[in-house]
């Protein structure tokens, strides 16, 4: 009974979100400020994680500045969730108007060739993925949601246009990713995740040791893929998906140096728009040997 009630409640919330599909972005932004403010007060555990991350990564800022970044981050996350109404109900042209692409030629030039798209954890991450799916079919890692209703909804959104090949994060199969890339499917890969100590190396992220899987250089070497940054920036009137030119001289002979380069590129974007990075993610959950937990 409890699960059924939770499912019904989730479906009701999803319908409420979808009802905003015809709203102007500015109207959803106004609602996001209200929702984000409520989340800031209610989600105490997430608030703690966000502020802890910001203290670690930006010790030079004042506590007031860090709190402002975190509060704004909650608003962007709320707006990103509300914008899923367009991704669920809007036509392809609606999605294209909401999410503009800067550098689309870099994606199209790699059509039917191995391509690795680095997509860091910014609040517009899903918007960028859906926008790419309006242009071409790709492959990405999928983390199953705890809520069955949310899981069904997000899968349906991802599959509306060029349905991507999804590889479950749980028990990730590297061979499946390699096969898909060699078949010409671009891989939308999130490099800034903590998968634990196994297979990870510690690379400084904004000065803090972070467990990082050296997946990008390994996949690039095994498949001959070009590597591009694909960062989705939220704006007051929508999104801009930034697709940068392929990296020259990558990979090198050093997996560690290449992984540091990936992290530096992510840092560059975090410094450009710090309030849009998902600070509520426990990026430093896995600590180096002997280091104390931070959360």
C-alpha atoms as a PDB file:
ATOM      1  CA  UNK A   1       0.000   0.000   0.000  1.00  0.00           C
ATOM      2  CA  UNK A   2       2.812   2.405   0.899  1.00  0.00           C
ATOM      3  CA  UNK A   3       4.524   1.821  -2.455  1.00  0.00           C
ATOM      4  CA  UNK A   4       1.266   2.311  -4.317  1.00  0.00           C
ATOM      5  CA  UNK A   5       0.595   5.602  -2.507  1.00  0.00           C
ATOM      6  CA  UNK A   6       4.154   6.776  -3.240  1.00  0.00           C
ATOM      7  CA  UNK A   7       3.703   5.877  -6.906  1.00  0.00           C
ATOM      8  CA  UNK A   8       0.406   7.772  -7.113  1.00  0.00           C
ATOM      9  CA  UNK A   9       1.927  10.798  -5.378  1.00  0.00           C
ATOM     10  CA  UNK A  10       4.861  10.782  -7.793  1.00  0.00           C
ATOM     11  CA  UNK A  11       2.554  10.512 -10.800  1.00  0.00           C
ATOM     12  CA  UNK A  12       0.504  13.449  -9.497  1.00  0.00           C
ATOM     13  CA  UNK A  13       3.669  15.542  -9.156  1.00  0.00           C
ATOM     14  CA  UNK A  14       4.768  14.553 -12.665  1.00  0.00           C
ATOM     15  CA  UNK A  15       1.376  15.616 -14.077  1.00  0.00           C
ATOM     16  CA  UNK A  16       1.703  18.938 -12.253  1.00  0.00           C
ATOM     17  CA  UNK A  17       5.139  19.489 -13.794  1.00  0.00           C
ATOM     18  CA  UNK A  18       3.880  18.535 -17.265  1.00  0.00           C
ATOM     19  CA  UNK A  19       1.067  21.053 -16.937  1.00  0.00           C
ATOM     20  CA  UNK A  20       3.682  23.826 -17.224  1.00  0.00           C
ATOM     21  CA  UNK A  21       4.778  22.698 -20.708  1.00  0.00           C
ATOM     22  CA  UNK A  22       3.063  25.681 -22.368  1.00  0.00           C
ATOM     23  CA  UNK A  23       4.358  28.220 -19.877  1.00  0.00           C
ATOM     24  CA  UNK A  24       7.013  30.727 -20.826  1.00  0.00           C
ATOM     25  CA  UNK A  25      10.459  29.969 -19.424  1.00  0.00           C
ATOM     26  CA  UNK A  26      10.262  33.113 -17.285  1.00  0.00           C
ATOM     27  CA  UNK A  27       7.128  31.768 -15.590  1.00  0.00           C
ATOM     28  CA  UNK A  28       8.815  28.462 -14.786  1.00  0.00           C
ATOM     29  CA  UNK A  29      11.776  30.463 -13.458  1.00  0.00           C
ATOM     30  CA  UNK A  30       9.499  32.345 -11.064  1.00  0.00           C
ATOM     31  CA  UNK A  31       8.084  29.041  -9.831  1.00  0.00           C
ATOM     32  CA  UNK A  32      11.594  27.603  -9.566  1.00  0.00           C
ATOM     33  CA  UNK A  33      12.618  30.381  -7.199  1.00  0.00           C
ATOM     34  CA  UNK A  34       9.756  29.407  -4.917  1.00  0.00           C
ATOM     35  CA  UNK A  35      10.425  25.663  -5.190  1.00  0.00           C
ATOM     36  CA  UNK A  36      14.173  26.140  -4.817  1.00  0.00           C
ATOM     37  CA  UNK A  37      13.657  28.183  -1.677  1.00  0.00           C
ATOM     38  CA  UNK A  38      11.448  25.463  -0.206  1.00  0.00           C
ATOM     39  CA  UNK A  39      13.992  22.774  -1.092  1.00  0.00           C
ATOM     40  CA  UNK A  40      16.739  24.824   0.546  1.00  0.00           C
ATOM     41  CA  UNK A  41      14.779  24.807   3.790  1.00  0.00           C
ATOM     42  CA  UNK A  42      13.545  21.210   3.609  1.00  0.00           C
ATOM     43  CA  UNK A  43      16.458  19.248   2.114  1.00  0.00           C
ATOM     44  CA  UNK A  44      18.821  19.681   5.027  1.00  0.00           C
ATOM     45  CA  UNK A  45      21.053  16.724   4.111  1.00  0.00           C
ATOM     46  CA  UNK A  46      21.525  17.955   0.529  1.00  0.00           C
ATOM     47  CA  UNK A  47      22.134  21.479   1.787  1.00  0.00           C
ATOM     48  CA  UNK A  48      24.869  20.128   4.060  1.00  0.00           C
ATOM     49  CA  UNK A  49      26.523  18.278   1.148  1.00  0.00           C
ATOM     50  CA  UNK A  50      26.410  21.350  -1.092  1.00  0.00           C
ATOM     51  CA  UNK A  51      27.916  23.670   1.518  1.00  0.00           C
ATOM     52  CA  UNK A  52      30.570  21.105   2.443  1.00  0.00           C
ATOM     53  CA  UNK A  53      31.620  20.778  -1.200  1.00  0.00           C
ATOM     54  CA  UNK A  54      31.757  24.540  -1.635  1.00  0.00           C
ATOM     55  CA  UNK A  55      33.859  25.002   1.521  1.00  0.00           C
ATOM     56  CA  UNK A  56      36.317  22.415   0.223  1.00  0.00           C
ATOM     57  CA  UNK A  57      36.467  23.725  -3.347  1.00  0.00           C
ATOM     58  CA  UNK A  58      36.260  27.472  -2.719  1.00  0.00           C
ATOM     59  CA  UNK A  59      37.956  28.137   0.637  1.00  0.00           C
ATOM     60  CA  UNK A  60      38.833  31.641  -0.577  1.00  0.00           C
ATOM     61  CA  UNK A  61      35.151  32.658  -0.643  1.00  0.00           C
ATOM     62  CA  UNK A  62      33.246  33.936   2.352  1.00  0.00           C
ATOM     63  CA  UNK A  63      30.560  31.768   3.928  1.00  0.00           C
ATOM     64  CA  UNK A  64      27.943  34.259   2.709  1.00  0.00           C
ATOM     65  CA  UNK A  65      29.183  33.903  -0.887  1.00  0.00           C
ATOM     66  CA  UNK A  66      29.180  30.116  -0.665  1.00  0.00           C
ATOM     67  CA  UNK A  67      25.652  30.101   0.730  1.00  0.00           C
ATOM     68  CA  UNK A  68      24.512  32.340  -2.118  1.00  0.00           C
ATOM     69  CA  UNK A  69      25.989  29.951  -4.683  1.00  0.00           C
ATOM     70  CA  UNK A  70      24.300  26.997  -2.988  1.00  0.00           C
ATOM     71  CA  UNK A  71      20.912  28.726  -2.738  1.00  0.00           C
ATOM     72  CA  UNK A  72      21.058  29.718  -6.400  1.00  0.00           C
ATOM     73  CA  UNK A  73      22.030  26.160  -7.281  1.00  0.00           C
ATOM     74  CA  UNK A  74      18.817  24.874  -5.682  1.00  0.00           C
ATOM     75  CA  UNK A  75      16.841  27.288  -7.875  1.00  0.00           C
ATOM     76  CA  UNK A  76      18.575  26.129 -11.072  1.00  0.00           C
ATOM     77  CA  UNK A  77      17.941  22.494 -10.143  1.00  0.00           C
ATOM     78  CA  UNK A  78      14.255  23.270  -9.577  1.00  0.00           C
ATOM     79  CA  UNK A  79      14.038  25.079 -12.940  1.00  0.00           C
ATOM     80  CA  UNK A  80      15.727  22.159 -14.683  1.00  0.00           C
ATOM     81  CA  UNK A  81      13.139  19.799 -13.207  1.00  0.00           C
ATOM     82  CA  UNK A  82      10.227  22.014 -14.274  1.00  0.00           C
ATOM     83  CA  UNK A  83      11.649  22.294 -17.803  1.00  0.00           C
ATOM     84  CA  UNK A  84      11.231  18.534 -18.150  1.00  0.00           C
ATOM     85  CA  UNK A  85       7.625  19.430 -18.965  1.00  0.00           C
ATOM     86  CA  UNK A  86       8.821  20.535 -22.396  1.00  0.00           C
ATOM     87  CA  UNK A  87      10.990  17.452 -22.838  1.00  0.00           C
ATOM     88  CA  UNK A  88       8.009  15.230 -21.952  1.00  0.00           C
ATOM     89  CA  UNK A  89       5.260  17.018 -23.896  1.00  0.00           C
ATOM     90  CA  UNK A  90       6.873  19.376 -26.402  1.00  0.00           C
ATOM     91  CA  UNK A  91       7.549  18.678 -30.070  1.00  0.00           C
ATOM     92  CA  UNK A  92      11.067  18.397 -31.442  1.00  0.00           C
ATOM     93  CA  UNK A  93      10.983  22.074 -32.478  1.00  0.00           C
ATOM     94  CA  UNK A  94       9.942  23.087 -28.945  1.00  0.00           C
ATOM     95  CA  UNK A  95      12.980  21.315 -27.520  1.00  0.00           C
ATOM     96  CA  UNK A  96      15.240  22.890 -30.164  1.00  0.00           C
ATOM     97  CA  UNK A  97      13.955  26.374 -29.279  1.00  0.00           C
ATOM     98  CA  UNK A  98      14.439  25.789 -25.561  1.00  0.00           C
ATOM     99  CA  UNK A  99      17.924  24.264 -25.901  1.00  0.00           C
ATOM    100  CA  UNK A 100      20.116  26.056 -28.411  1.00  0.00           C
ATOM    101  CA  UNK A 101      23.321  24.397 -29.579  1.00  0.00           C
ATOM    102  CA  UNK A 102      26.625  26.195 -30.017  1.00  0.00           C
ATOM    103  CA  UNK A 103      28.997  23.977 -31.990  1.00  0.00           C
ATOM    104  CA  UNK A 104      26.559  21.441 -33.424  1.00  0.00           C
ATOM    105  CA  UNK A 105      28.912  21.019 -36.368  1.00  0.00           C
ATOM    106  CA  UNK A 106      31.380  19.215 -34.109  1.00  0.00           C
ATOM    107  CA  UNK A 107      28.779  16.535 -33.395  1.00  0.00           C
ATOM    108  CA  UNK A 108      27.601  16.169 -36.968  1.00  0.00           C
ATOM    109  CA  UNK A 109      31.171  16.014 -38.299  1.00  0.00           C
ATOM    110  CA  UNK A 110      31.750  12.895 -36.210  1.00  0.00           C
ATOM    111  CA  UNK A 111      28.617  11.134 -37.473  1.00  0.00           C
ATOM    112  CA  UNK A 112      29.135   7.355 -37.664  1.00  0.00           C
ATOM    113  CA  UNK A 113      32.586   7.711 -36.101  1.00  0.00           C
ATOM    114  CA  UNK A 114      33.542   7.026 -32.460  1.00  0.00           C
ATOM    115  CA  UNK A 115      32.849  10.133 -30.379  1.00  0.00           C
ATOM    116  CA  UNK A 116      33.117  10.642 -26.632  1.00  0.00           C
ATOM    117  CA  UNK A 117      31.088  13.578 -25.300  1.00  0.00           C
ATOM    118  CA  UNK A 118      32.205  14.709 -21.843  1.00  0.00           C
ATOM    119  CA  UNK A 119      29.124  15.940 -19.983  1.00  0.00           C
ATOM    120  CA  UNK A 120      29.867  17.123 -16.417  1.00  0.00           C
ATOM    121  CA  UNK A 121      27.258  17.311 -13.675  1.00  0.00           C
ATOM    122  CA  UNK A 122      25.651  20.663 -14.316  1.00  0.00           C
ATOM    123  CA  UNK A 123      21.973  21.386 -13.670  1.00  0.00           C
ATOM    124  CA  UNK A 124      21.242  21.427 -17.426  1.00  0.00           C
ATOM    125  CA  UNK A 125      22.736  17.965 -17.964  1.00  0.00           C
ATOM    126  CA  UNK A 126      19.495  16.201 -18.908  1.00  0.00           C
ATOM    127  CA  UNK A 127      18.430  19.064 -21.177  1.00  0.00           C
ATOM    128  CA  UNK A 128      21.635  18.679 -23.161  1.00  0.00           C
ATOM    129  CA  UNK A 129      21.167  14.935 -23.448  1.00  0.00           C
ATOM    130  CA  UNK A 130      17.595  15.271 -24.717  1.00  0.00           C
ATOM    131  CA  UNK A 131      18.657  17.959 -27.193  1.00  0.00           C
ATOM    132  CA  UNK A 132      21.386  15.722 -28.602  1.00  0.00           C
ATOM    133  CA  UNK A 133      18.819  12.938 -28.997  1.00  0.00           C
ATOM    134  CA  UNK A 134      16.753  15.197 -31.254  1.00  0.00           C
ATOM    135  CA  UNK A 135      19.695  15.227 -33.673  1.00  0.00           C
ATOM    136  CA  UNK A 136      21.176  11.747 -33.437  1.00  0.00           C
ATOM    137  CA  UNK A 137      21.073   8.495 -31.507  1.00  0.00           C
ATOM    138  CA  UNK A 138      23.698   7.965 -28.847  1.00  0.00           C
ATOM    139  CA  UNK A 139      24.633   5.871 -25.850  1.00  0.00           C
ATOM    140  CA  UNK A 140      24.769   6.892 -22.197  1.00  0.00           C
ATOM    141  CA  UNK A 141      24.912   5.443 -18.697  1.00  0.00           C
ATOM    142  CA  UNK A 142      21.599   5.289 -16.867  1.00  0.00           C
ATOM    143  CA  UNK A 143      21.192   5.310 -13.091  1.00  0.00           C
ATOM    144  CA  UNK A 144      17.907   3.735 -12.035  1.00  0.00           C
ATOM    145  CA  UNK A 145      15.704   6.022  -9.940  1.00  0.00           C
ATOM    146  CA  UNK A 146      14.425   4.924  -6.547  1.00  0.00           C
ATOM    147  CA  UNK A 147      10.905   5.960  -7.512  1.00  0.00           C
ATOM    148  CA  UNK A 148       9.340   3.679 -10.124  1.00  0.00           C
ATOM    149  CA  UNK A 149       7.197   6.535 -11.417  1.00  0.00           C
ATOM    150  CA  UNK A 150      10.178   8.867 -11.892  1.00  0.00           C
ATOM    151  CA  UNK A 151      12.155   6.048 -13.491  1.00  0.00           C
ATOM    152  CA  UNK A 152       9.386   5.392 -16.034  1.00  0.00           C
ATOM    153  CA  UNK A 153       8.967   9.096 -16.763  1.00  0.00           C
ATOM    154  CA  UNK A 154      12.640   9.859 -17.312  1.00  0.00           C
ATOM    155  CA  UNK A 155      13.091   6.787 -19.511  1.00  0.00           C
ATOM    156  CA  UNK A 156      10.110   7.852 -21.624  1.00  0.00           C
ATOM    157  CA  UNK A 157      11.601  11.346 -22.020  1.00  0.00           C
ATOM    158  CA  UNK A 158      14.960   9.964 -23.122  1.00  0.00           C
ATOM    159  CA  UNK A 159      13.297   7.684 -25.662  1.00  0.00           C
ATOM    160  CA  UNK A 160      10.996  10.195 -27.365  1.00  0.00           C
ATOM    161  CA  UNK A 161      13.205  11.099 -30.307  1.00  0.00           C
ATOM    162  CA  UNK A 162      16.295   9.109 -31.334  1.00  0.00           C
ATOM    163  CA  UNK A 163      16.038   6.660 -28.433  1.00  0.00           C
ATOM    164  CA  UNK A 164      19.545   6.234 -26.994  1.00  0.00           C
ATOM    165  CA  UNK A 165      21.123   2.964 -26.006  1.00  0.00           C
ATOM    166  CA  UNK A 166      21.182   3.038 -22.207  1.00  0.00           C
ATOM    167  CA  UNK A 167      23.728   1.121 -20.152  1.00  0.00           C
ATOM    168  CA  UNK A 168      22.866   0.581 -16.492  1.00  0.00           C
ATOM    169  CA  UNK A 169      25.254   2.240 -14.060  1.00  0.00           C
ATOM    170  CA  UNK A 170      24.826  -0.748 -11.762  1.00  0.00           C
ATOM    171  CA  UNK A 171      27.186  -3.388 -13.124  1.00  0.00           C
ATOM    172  CA  UNK A 172      28.412  -1.077 -15.912  1.00  0.00           C
ATOM    173  CA  UNK A 173      29.478  -3.112 -18.956  1.00  0.00           C
ATOM    174  CA  UNK A 174      32.460  -1.446 -20.598  1.00  0.00           C
ATOM    175  CA  UNK A 175      32.275  -3.841 -23.549  1.00  0.00           C
ATOM    176  CA  UNK A 176      28.753  -2.658 -24.362  1.00  0.00           C
ATOM    177  CA  UNK A 177      29.960   0.954 -24.475  1.00  0.00           C
ATOM    178  CA  UNK A 178      32.880   0.040 -26.735  1.00  0.00           C
ATOM    179  CA  UNK A 179      30.643  -1.884 -29.133  1.00  0.00           C
ATOM    180  CA  UNK A 180      28.162   0.990 -29.312  1.00  0.00           C
ATOM    181  CA  UNK A 181      30.889   3.553 -29.985  1.00  0.00           C
ATOM    182  CA  UNK A 182      32.465   1.418 -32.684  1.00  0.00           C
ATOM    183  CA  UNK A 183      29.008   1.167 -34.266  1.00  0.00           C
ATOM    184  CA  UNK A 184      29.011   4.974 -34.521  1.00  0.00           C
ATOM    185  CA  UNK A 185      26.935   5.903 -31.461  1.00  0.00           C
ATOM    186  CA  UNK A 186      28.381   8.921 -29.601  1.00  0.00           C
ATOM    187  CA  UNK A 187      28.835   8.276 -25.877  1.00  0.00           C
ATOM    188  CA  UNK A 188      27.387  10.942 -23.542  1.00  0.00           C
ATOM    189  CA  UNK A 189      29.653  10.326 -20.562  1.00  0.00           C
ATOM    190  CA  UNK A 190      29.615  11.895 -17.088  1.00  0.00           C
ATOM    191  CA  UNK A 191      33.246  11.907 -15.905  1.00  0.00           C
ATOM    192  CA  UNK A 192      32.816  13.515 -12.470  1.00  0.00           C
ATOM    193  CA  UNK A 193      31.230  10.656 -10.536  1.00  0.00           C
ATOM    194  CA  UNK A 194      32.509   8.781  -7.507  1.00  0.00           C
ATOM    195  CA  UNK A 195      32.302   5.056  -8.254  1.00  0.00           C
ATOM    196  CA  UNK A 196      34.346   4.091  -5.220  1.00  0.00           C
ATOM    197  CA  UNK A 197      37.970   3.114  -4.737  1.00  0.00           C
ATOM    198  CA  UNK A 198      37.967   0.170  -7.145  1.00  0.00           C
ATOM    199  CA  UNK A 199      39.460   1.092 -10.548  1.00  0.00           C
ATOM    200  CA  UNK A 200      39.699   4.779  -9.533  1.00  0.00           C
ATOM    201  CA  UNK A 201      42.690   7.057  -9.202  1.00  0.00           C
ATOM    202  CA  UNK A 202      42.775  10.171  -7.030  1.00  0.00           C
ATOM    203  CA  UNK A 203      42.949  13.370  -9.069  1.00  0.00           C
ATOM    204  CA  UNK A 204      42.674  16.865  -7.581  1.00  0.00           C
ATOM    205  CA  UNK A 205      39.325  18.499  -8.340  1.00  0.00           C
ATOM    206  CA  UNK A 206      39.447  22.175  -7.401  1.00  0.00           C
ATOM    207  CA  UNK A 207      42.288  21.271  -5.057  1.00  0.00           C
ATOM    208  CA  UNK A 208      40.523  18.333  -3.366  1.00  0.00           C
ATOM    209  CA  UNK A 209      41.534  14.681  -4.054  1.00  0.00           C
ATOM    210  CA  UNK A 210      38.628  13.027  -5.880  1.00  0.00           C
ATOM    211  CA  UNK A 211      38.252   9.344  -6.768  1.00  0.00           C
ATOM    212  CA  UNK A 212      38.044   9.370 -10.561  1.00  0.00           C
ATOM    213  CA  UNK A 213      37.720   6.509 -13.008  1.00  0.00           C
ATOM    214  CA  UNK A 214      40.167   7.093 -15.909  1.00  0.00           C
ATOM    215  CA  UNK A 215      37.465   6.078 -18.371  1.00  0.00           C
ATOM    216  CA  UNK A 216      37.885   8.892 -20.900  1.00  0.00           C
ATOM    217  CA  UNK A 217      41.494   8.175 -21.972  1.00  0.00           C
ATOM    218  CA  UNK A 218      40.936   4.425 -21.894  1.00  0.00           C
ATOM    219  CA  UNK A 219      37.840   4.567 -24.090  1.00  0.00           C
ATOM    220  CA  UNK A 220      39.487   7.058 -26.436  1.00  0.00           C
ATOM    221  CA  UNK A 221      42.484   4.753 -26.844  1.00  0.00           C
ATOM    222  CA  UNK A 222      40.430   1.576 -27.295  1.00  0.00           C
ATOM    223  CA  UNK A 223      38.000   3.044 -29.814  1.00  0.00           C
ATOM    224  CA  UNK A 224      39.994   5.814 -31.484  1.00  0.00           C
ATOM    225  CA  UNK A 225      37.227   8.218 -30.454  1.00  0.00           C
ATOM    226  CA  UNK A 226      37.421  11.976 -30.683  1.00  0.00           C
ATOM    227  CA  UNK A 227      36.773  13.698 -27.350  1.00  0.00           C
ATOM    228  CA  UNK A 228      34.639  16.852 -27.043  1.00  0.00           C
ATOM    229  CA  UNK A 229      33.275  18.823 -24.106  1.00  0.00           C
ATOM    230  CA  UNK A 230      29.467  19.072 -24.127  1.00  0.00           C
ATOM    231  CA  UNK A 231      28.397  21.408 -21.327  1.00  0.00           C
ATOM    232  CA  UNK A 232      24.815  22.618 -20.989  1.00  0.00           C
ATOM    233  CA  UNK A 233      24.428  26.118 -19.577  1.00  0.00           C
ATOM    234  CA  UNK A 234      21.100  27.295 -18.201  1.00  0.00           C
ATOM    235  CA  UNK A 235      20.020  30.831 -19.115  1.00  0.00           C
ATOM    236  CA  UNK A 236      17.062  32.999 -18.180  1.00  0.00           C
ATOM    237  CA  UNK A 237      15.330  32.064 -21.446  1.00  0.00           C
ATOM    238  CA  UNK A 238      16.411  28.438 -21.873  1.00  0.00           C
ATOM    239  CA  UNK A 239      19.678  26.589 -22.350  1.00  0.00           C
ATOM    240  CA  UNK A 240      22.817  26.664 -24.441  1.00  0.00           C
ATOM    241  CA  UNK A 241      24.490  23.342 -25.172  1.00  0.00           C
ATOM    242  CA  UNK A 242      28.157  24.156 -25.734  1.00  0.00           C
ATOM    243  CA  UNK A 243      29.892  21.611 -27.967  1.00  0.00           C
ATOM    244  CA  UNK A 244      33.593  22.392 -28.150  1.00  0.00           C
ATOM    245  CA  UNK A 245      36.038  21.285 -30.870  1.00  0.00           C
ATOM    246  CA  UNK A 246      37.658  17.847 -30.494  1.00  0.00           C
ATOM    247  CA  UNK A 247      40.765  17.773 -28.327  1.00  0.00           C
ATOM    248  CA  UNK A 248      44.067  17.530 -30.172  1.00  0.00           C
ATOM    249  CA  UNK A 249      46.806  15.214 -28.900  1.00  0.00           C
ATOM    250  CA  UNK A 250      44.473  13.085 -26.833  1.00  0.00           C
ATOM    251  CA  UNK A 251      44.962  10.502 -25.425  1.00  0.00           C
ATOM    252  CA  UNK A 252      48.638  10.504 -24.542  1.00  0.00           C
ATOM    253  CA  UNK A 253      50.750   7.707 -23.113  1.00  0.00           C
ATOM    254  CA  UNK A 254      49.847   8.736 -19.549  1.00  0.00           C
ATOM    255  CA  UNK A 255      46.399   7.718 -18.303  1.00  0.00           C
ATOM    256  CA  UNK A 256      46.881   9.773 -15.152  1.00  0.00           C
ATOM    257  CA  UNK A 257      47.910  12.931 -17.041  1.00  0.00           C
ATOM    258  CA  UNK A 258      44.932  12.509 -19.381  1.00  0.00           C
ATOM    259  CA  UNK A 259      42.556  12.101 -16.435  1.00  0.00           C
ATOM    260  CA  UNK A 260      43.985  15.270 -14.895  1.00  0.00           C
ATOM    261  CA  UNK A 261      43.285  17.035 -18.184  1.00  0.00           C
ATOM    262  CA  UNK A 262      39.663  15.870 -18.156  1.00  0.00           C
ATOM    263  CA  UNK A 263      39.286  17.175 -14.603  1.00  0.00           C
ATOM    264  CA  UNK A 264      40.879  20.516 -15.500  1.00  0.00           C
ATOM    265  CA  UNK A 265      38.394  20.975 -18.336  1.00  0.00           C
ATOM    266  CA  UNK A 266      35.513  20.306 -15.942  1.00  0.00           C
ATOM    267  CA  UNK A 267      37.015  22.780 -13.461  1.00  0.00           C
ATOM    268  CA  UNK A 268      37.164  25.433 -16.180  1.00  0.00           C
ATOM    269  CA  UNK A 269      33.403  25.238 -16.623  1.00  0.00           C
ATOM    270  CA  UNK A 270      32.702  25.036 -12.885  1.00  0.00           C
ATOM    271  CA  UNK A 271      34.568  28.311 -12.377  1.00  0.00           C
ATOM    272  CA  UNK A 272      32.629  29.841 -15.261  1.00  0.00           C
ATOM    273  CA  UNK A 273      29.208  29.011 -13.785  1.00  0.00           C
ATOM    274  CA  UNK A 274      29.659  27.775 -10.197  1.00  0.00           C
ATOM    275  CA  UNK A 275      25.982  28.111  -9.242  1.00  0.00           C
ATOM    276  CA  UNK A 276      24.982  25.540 -11.878  1.00  0.00           C
ATOM    277  CA  UNK A 277      27.272  22.699 -10.818  1.00  0.00           C
ATOM    278  CA  UNK A 278      25.493  19.943  -8.879  1.00  0.00           C
ATOM    279  CA  UNK A 279      27.076  20.551  -5.508  1.00  0.00           C
ATOM    280  CA  UNK A 280      24.537  18.264  -3.843  1.00  0.00           C
ATOM    281  CA  UNK A 281      26.417  15.324  -5.418  1.00  0.00           C
ATOM    282  CA  UNK A 282      28.837  13.635  -2.944  1.00  0.00           C
ATOM    283  CA  UNK A 283      31.867  14.048  -5.170  1.00  0.00           C
ATOM    284  CA  UNK A 284      34.325  13.370  -2.328  1.00  0.00           C
ATOM    285  CA  UNK A 285      32.572  10.413  -0.722  1.00  0.00           C
ATOM    286  CA  UNK A 286      35.579   8.150  -1.330  1.00  0.00           C
ATOM    287  CA  UNK A 287      38.616   9.501   0.480  1.00  0.00           C
ATOM    288  CA  UNK A 288      42.320   8.756   0.025  1.00  0.00           C
ATOM    289  CA  UNK A 289      43.769   6.198   2.490  1.00  0.00           C
ATOM    290  CA  UNK A 290      43.948   7.718   5.958  1.00  0.00           C
ATOM    291  CA  UNK A 291      41.865  10.794   5.083  1.00  0.00           C
ATOM    292  CA  UNK A 292      38.843  11.590   7.253  1.00  0.00           C
ATOM    293  CA  UNK A 293      35.297  11.590   5.790  1.00  0.00           C
ATOM    294  CA  UNK A 294      34.021  15.021   4.813  1.00  0.00           C
ATOM    295  CA  UNK A 295      30.254  14.448   4.842  1.00  0.00           C
END
